[in-house]
Amino acid sequence: MVKNITYAPKFQKNFKKLASNYAERVKKLIEKIITDPEVGKPMQYDRKGTREVYLKPFRLSYAYDKTTDHLFFLEVYHKDEQ
């Protein structure tokens, strides 16, 4: 279980725009990530150090710092906007 959680402004802005059925699914996914932060797929290249979870048709991007036990939710976006 993660001790510190931060939601980026871009994440909060995009989360508010989601339809209610997707928002509920994202909330469940956030709970899953909080219990196991390494559940997402590790990213490469310029996004190295972040992870993503796919929630059709959206992606949830986050970063986890093991040393400080801090979880950063970076962005939730449509797959086509990648």
N, C-alpha and C. Protein backbone atom coordinates (compact mmCIF):
# COMPACT_ATOMS: atom_id res chain seq x y z
N MET A 1 0.84 -1.18 0.00
CA MET A 1 0.00 0.00 0.00
C MET A 1 0.89 1.25 0.00
N VAL A 2 0.60 2.16 -0.88
CA VAL A 2 1.38 3.38 -1.05
C VAL A 2 0.98 4.40 0.01
N LYS A 3 1.98 5.13 0.52
CA LYS A 3 1.72 6.12 1.57
C LYS A 3 1.36 7.49 1.00
N ASN A 4 2.08 7.94 -0.04
CA ASN A 4 1.87 9.29 -0.60
C ASN A 4 1.34 9.19 -2.02
N ILE A 5 0.29 9.93 -2.31
CA ILE A 5 -0.31 9.93 -3.65
C ILE A 5 -0.51 11.37 -4.10
N THR A 6 -0.10 11.64 -5.36
CA THR A 6 -0.27 12.97 -5.94
C THR A 6 -0.97 12.83 -7.28
N TYR A 7 -1.94 13.70 -7.52
CA TYR A 7 -2.65 13.74 -8.80
C TYR A 7 -2.22 15.00 -9.55
N ALA A 8 -1.66 14.83 -10.73
CA ALA A 8 -1.22 15.97 -11.54
C ALA A 8 -2.43 16.77 -12.01
N PRO A 9 -2.27 18.08 -12.20
CA PRO A 9 -3.38 18.91 -12.68
C PRO A 9 -3.97 18.41 -14.00
N LYS A 10 -3.12 17.92 -14.89
CA LYS A 10 -3.60 17.40 -16.18
C LYS A 10 -4.46 16.15 -15.97
N PHE A 11 -4.07 15.31 -15.01
CA PHE A 11 -4.86 14.13 -14.68
C PHE A 11 -6.23 14.54 -14.16
N GLN A 12 -6.26 15.48 -13.22
CA GLN A 12 -7.53 15.93 -12.64
C GLN A 12 -8.44 16.54 -13.69
N LYS A 13 -7.87 17.34 -14.59
CA LYS A 13 -8.65 17.99 -15.63
C LYS A 13 -9.29 16.95 -16.56
N ASN A 14 -8.50 15.98 -17.00
CA ASN A 14 -9.02 14.96 -17.91
C ASN A 14 -9.98 14.00 -17.22
N PHE A 15 -9.74 13.73 -15.94
CA PHE A 15 -10.62 12.84 -15.20
C PHE A 15 -12.02 13.44 -15.07
N LYS A 16 -12.11 14.75 -14.88
CA LYS A 16 -13.41 15.42 -14.76
C LYS A 16 -14.22 15.34 -16.04
N LYS A 17 -13.53 15.21 -17.17
CA LYS A 17 -14.20 15.16 -18.47
C LYS A 17 -14.75 13.77 -18.81
N LEU A 18 -14.33 12.75 -18.07
CA LEU A 18 -14.76 11.38 -18.37
C LEU A 18 -16.23 11.19 -18.06
N ALA A 19 -16.86 10.33 -18.85
CA ALA A 19 -18.24 9.94 -18.57
C ALA A 19 -18.26 9.15 -17.27
N SER A 20 -19.38 9.14 -16.59
CA SER A 20 -19.46 8.53 -15.26
C SER A 20 -19.08 7.05 -15.25
N ASN A 21 -19.46 6.30 -16.30
CA ASN A 21 -19.12 4.87 -16.32
C ASN A 21 -17.61 4.67 -16.43
N TYR A 22 -16.92 5.51 -17.19
CA TYR A 22 -15.46 5.41 -17.28
C TYR A 22 -14.80 5.90 -16.01
N ALA A 23 -15.36 6.92 -15.39
CA ALA A 23 -14.79 7.45 -14.15
C ALA A 23 -14.80 6.39 -13.06
N GLU A 24 -15.87 5.63 -12.97
CA GLU A 24 -15.94 4.55 -11.97
C GLU A 24 -14.89 3.48 -12.25
N ARG A 25 -14.71 3.14 -13.51
CA ARG A 25 -13.70 2.14 -13.87
C ARG A 25 -12.29 2.64 -13.56
N VAL A 26 -12.05 3.93 -13.79
CA VAL A 26 -10.74 4.51 -13.49
C VAL A 26 -10.51 4.51 -11.99
N LYS A 27 -11.52 4.80 -11.20
CA LYS A 27 -11.39 4.79 -9.74
C LYS A 27 -10.99 3.40 -9.24
N LYS A 28 -11.61 2.36 -9.79
CA LYS A 28 -11.27 0.99 -9.41
C LYS A 28 -9.83 0.66 -9.81
N LEU A 29 -9.43 1.15 -10.96
CA LEU A 29 -8.07 0.92 -11.44
C LEU A 29 -7.06 1.65 -10.55
N ILE A 30 -7.40 2.84 -10.09
CA ILE A 30 -6.53 3.59 -9.18
C ILE A 30 -6.35 2.81 -7.88
N GLU A 31 -7.42 2.24 -7.36
CA GLU A 31 -7.33 1.44 -6.14
C GLU A 31 -6.40 0.25 -6.34
N LYS A 32 -6.50 -0.38 -7.50
CA LYS A 32 -5.63 -1.52 -7.82
C LYS A 32 -4.17 -1.09 -7.89
N ILE A 33 -3.91 0.07 -8.49
CA ILE A 33 -2.55 0.57 -8.61
C ILE A 33 -1.99 0.94 -7.24
N ILE A 34 -2.81 1.49 -6.37
CA ILE A 34 -2.35 1.87 -5.04
C ILE A 34 -1.92 0.63 -4.25
N THR A 35 -2.63 -0.48 -4.40
CA THR A 35 -2.25 -1.69 -3.68
C THR A 35 -1.02 -2.36 -4.29
N ASP A 36 -0.85 -2.25 -5.62
CA ASP A 36 0.31 -2.84 -6.29
C ASP A 36 0.80 -1.88 -7.38
N PRO A 37 1.70 -0.95 -7.04
CA PRO A 37 2.13 0.08 -7.99
C PRO A 37 2.87 -0.43 -9.22
N GLU A 38 3.32 -1.67 -9.21
CA GLU A 38 4.06 -2.19 -10.35
C GLU A 38 3.19 -3.01 -11.29
N VAL A 39 1.89 -2.80 -11.23
CA VAL A 39 0.95 -3.54 -12.07
C VAL A 39 0.99 -3.06 -13.53
N GLY A 40 1.32 -1.81 -13.75
CA GLY A 40 1.30 -1.24 -15.10
C GLY A 40 2.52 -1.61 -15.93
N LYS A 41 2.39 -1.38 -17.22
CA LYS A 41 3.47 -1.67 -18.16
C LYS A 41 4.52 -0.56 -18.09
N PRO A 42 5.80 -0.92 -17.88
CA PRO A 42 6.85 0.10 -17.85
C PRO A 42 7.05 0.73 -19.23
N MET A 43 7.18 2.04 -19.28
CA MET A 43 7.37 2.75 -20.53
C MET A 43 8.87 2.88 -20.85
N GLN A 44 9.16 3.24 -22.11
CA GLN A 44 10.54 3.35 -22.57
C GLN A 44 10.81 4.74 -23.13
N TYR A 45 12.07 4.93 -23.50
CA TYR A 45 12.54 6.13 -24.19
C TYR A 45 12.26 7.40 -23.40
N ASP A 46 11.54 8.37 -23.98
CA ASP A 46 11.33 9.65 -23.29
C ASP A 46 10.35 9.55 -22.12
N ARG A 47 9.62 8.45 -22.02
CA ARG A 47 8.68 8.26 -20.91
C ARG A 47 9.20 7.24 -19.90
N LYS A 48 10.49 6.97 -19.94
CA LYS A 48 11.09 6.00 -19.02
C LYS A 48 10.88 6.46 -17.58
N GLY A 49 10.58 5.51 -16.71
CA GLY A 49 10.31 5.83 -15.32
C GLY A 49 8.83 5.94 -15.03
N THR A 50 8.01 5.87 -16.06
CA THR A 50 6.55 5.90 -15.87
C THR A 50 5.98 4.54 -16.25
N ARG A 51 4.75 4.34 -15.87
CA ARG A 51 4.03 3.10 -16.20
C ARG A 51 2.65 3.47 -16.74
N GLU A 52 2.07 2.55 -17.50
CA GLU A 52 0.73 2.77 -18.05
C GLU A 52 -0.13 1.54 -17.86
N VAL A 53 -1.42 1.80 -17.66
CA VAL A 53 -2.42 0.75 -17.60
C VAL A 53 -3.45 1.08 -18.66
N TYR A 54 -3.85 0.07 -19.43
CA TYR A 54 -4.80 0.26 -20.51
C TYR A 54 -6.20 -0.04 -20.01
N LEU A 55 -7.10 0.89 -20.20
CA LEU A 55 -8.50 0.75 -19.84
C LEU A 55 -9.29 1.18 -21.07
N LYS A 56 -9.60 0.22 -21.90
CA LYS A 56 -10.17 0.47 -23.22
C LYS A 56 -11.25 1.54 -23.19
N PRO A 57 -11.16 2.59 -23.95
CA PRO A 57 -10.15 3.06 -24.90
C PRO A 57 -9.17 4.07 -24.30
N PHE A 58 -9.04 4.09 -22.97
CA PHE A 58 -8.19 5.07 -22.31
C PHE A 58 -6.91 4.43 -21.78
N ARG A 59 -5.95 5.29 -21.48
CA ARG A 59 -4.71 4.88 -20.82
C ARG A 59 -4.49 5.76 -19.61
N LEU A 60 -4.05 5.13 -18.55
CA LEU A 60 -3.76 5.84 -17.32
C LEU A 60 -2.25 5.77 -17.10
N SER A 61 -1.63 6.93 -17.07
CA SER A 61 -0.18 7.03 -16.92
C SER A 61 0.16 7.46 -15.51
N TYR A 62 1.15 6.78 -14.92
CA TYR A 62 1.56 7.11 -13.56
C TYR A 62 3.03 6.80 -13.36
N ALA A 63 3.58 7.34 -12.29
CA ALA A 63 4.97 7.08 -11.92
C ALA A 63 5.00 6.70 -10.45
N TYR A 64 5.93 5.81 -10.11
CA TYR A 64 6.06 5.37 -8.73
C TYR A 64 7.52 5.47 -8.30
N ASP A 65 7.75 6.15 -7.20
CA ASP A 65 9.09 6.29 -6.64
C ASP A 65 9.19 5.38 -5.42
N LYS A 66 9.94 4.29 -5.56
CA LYS A 66 10.05 3.30 -4.49
C LYS A 66 10.74 3.87 -3.25
N THR A 67 11.73 4.71 -3.46
CA THR A 67 12.52 5.21 -2.32
C THR A 67 11.69 6.05 -1.36
N THR A 68 10.77 6.86 -1.89
CA THR A 68 9.93 7.70 -1.03
C THR A 68 8.52 7.13 -0.87
N ASP A 69 8.24 6.01 -1.55
CA ASP A 69 6.91 5.40 -1.54
C ASP A 69 5.85 6.42 -1.95
N HIS A 70 6.12 7.08 -3.08
CA HIS A 70 5.24 8.15 -3.60
C HIS A 70 4.71 7.74 -4.96
N LEU A 71 3.42 7.88 -5.15
CA LEU A 71 2.75 7.53 -6.41
C LEU A 71 2.22 8.81 -7.05
N PHE A 72 2.57 9.03 -8.31
CA PHE A 72 2.14 10.21 -9.06
C PHE A 72 1.24 9.76 -10.21
N PHE A 73 -0.02 10.18 -10.18
CA PHE A 73 -0.91 9.92 -11.31
C PHE A 73 -0.74 11.08 -12.28
N LEU A 74 -0.20 10.79 -13.46
CA LEU A 74 0.19 11.83 -14.40
C LEU A 74 -0.92 12.24 -15.36
N GLU A 75 -1.57 11.24 -15.96
CA GLU A 75 -2.53 11.59 -17.01
C GLU A 75 -3.45 10.41 -17.30
N VAL A 76 -4.67 10.72 -17.68
CA VAL A 76 -5.59 9.75 -18.24
C VAL A 76 -6.00 10.32 -19.59
N TYR A 77 -5.79 9.54 -20.65
CA TYR A 77 -6.05 10.08 -21.99
C TYR A 77 -6.56 8.99 -22.91
N HIS A 78 -7.19 9.40 -23.99
CA HIS A 78 -7.71 8.49 -25.00
C HIS A 78 -6.56 7.90 -25.78
N LYS A 79 -6.65 6.64 -26.11
CA LYS A 79 -5.58 5.93 -26.81
C LYS A 79 -5.19 6.61 -28.12
N ASP A 80 -6.17 7.18 -28.82
CA ASP A 80 -5.90 7.82 -30.11
C ASP A 80 -5.12 9.12 -29.97
N GLU A 81 -5.02 9.68 -28.77
CA GLU A 81 -4.28 10.93 -28.54
C GLU A 81 -2.82 10.68 -28.20
N GLN A 82 -2.40 9.44 -28.29
CA GLN A 82 -1.05 9.07 -27.89
C GLN A 82 0.00 9.70 -28.73
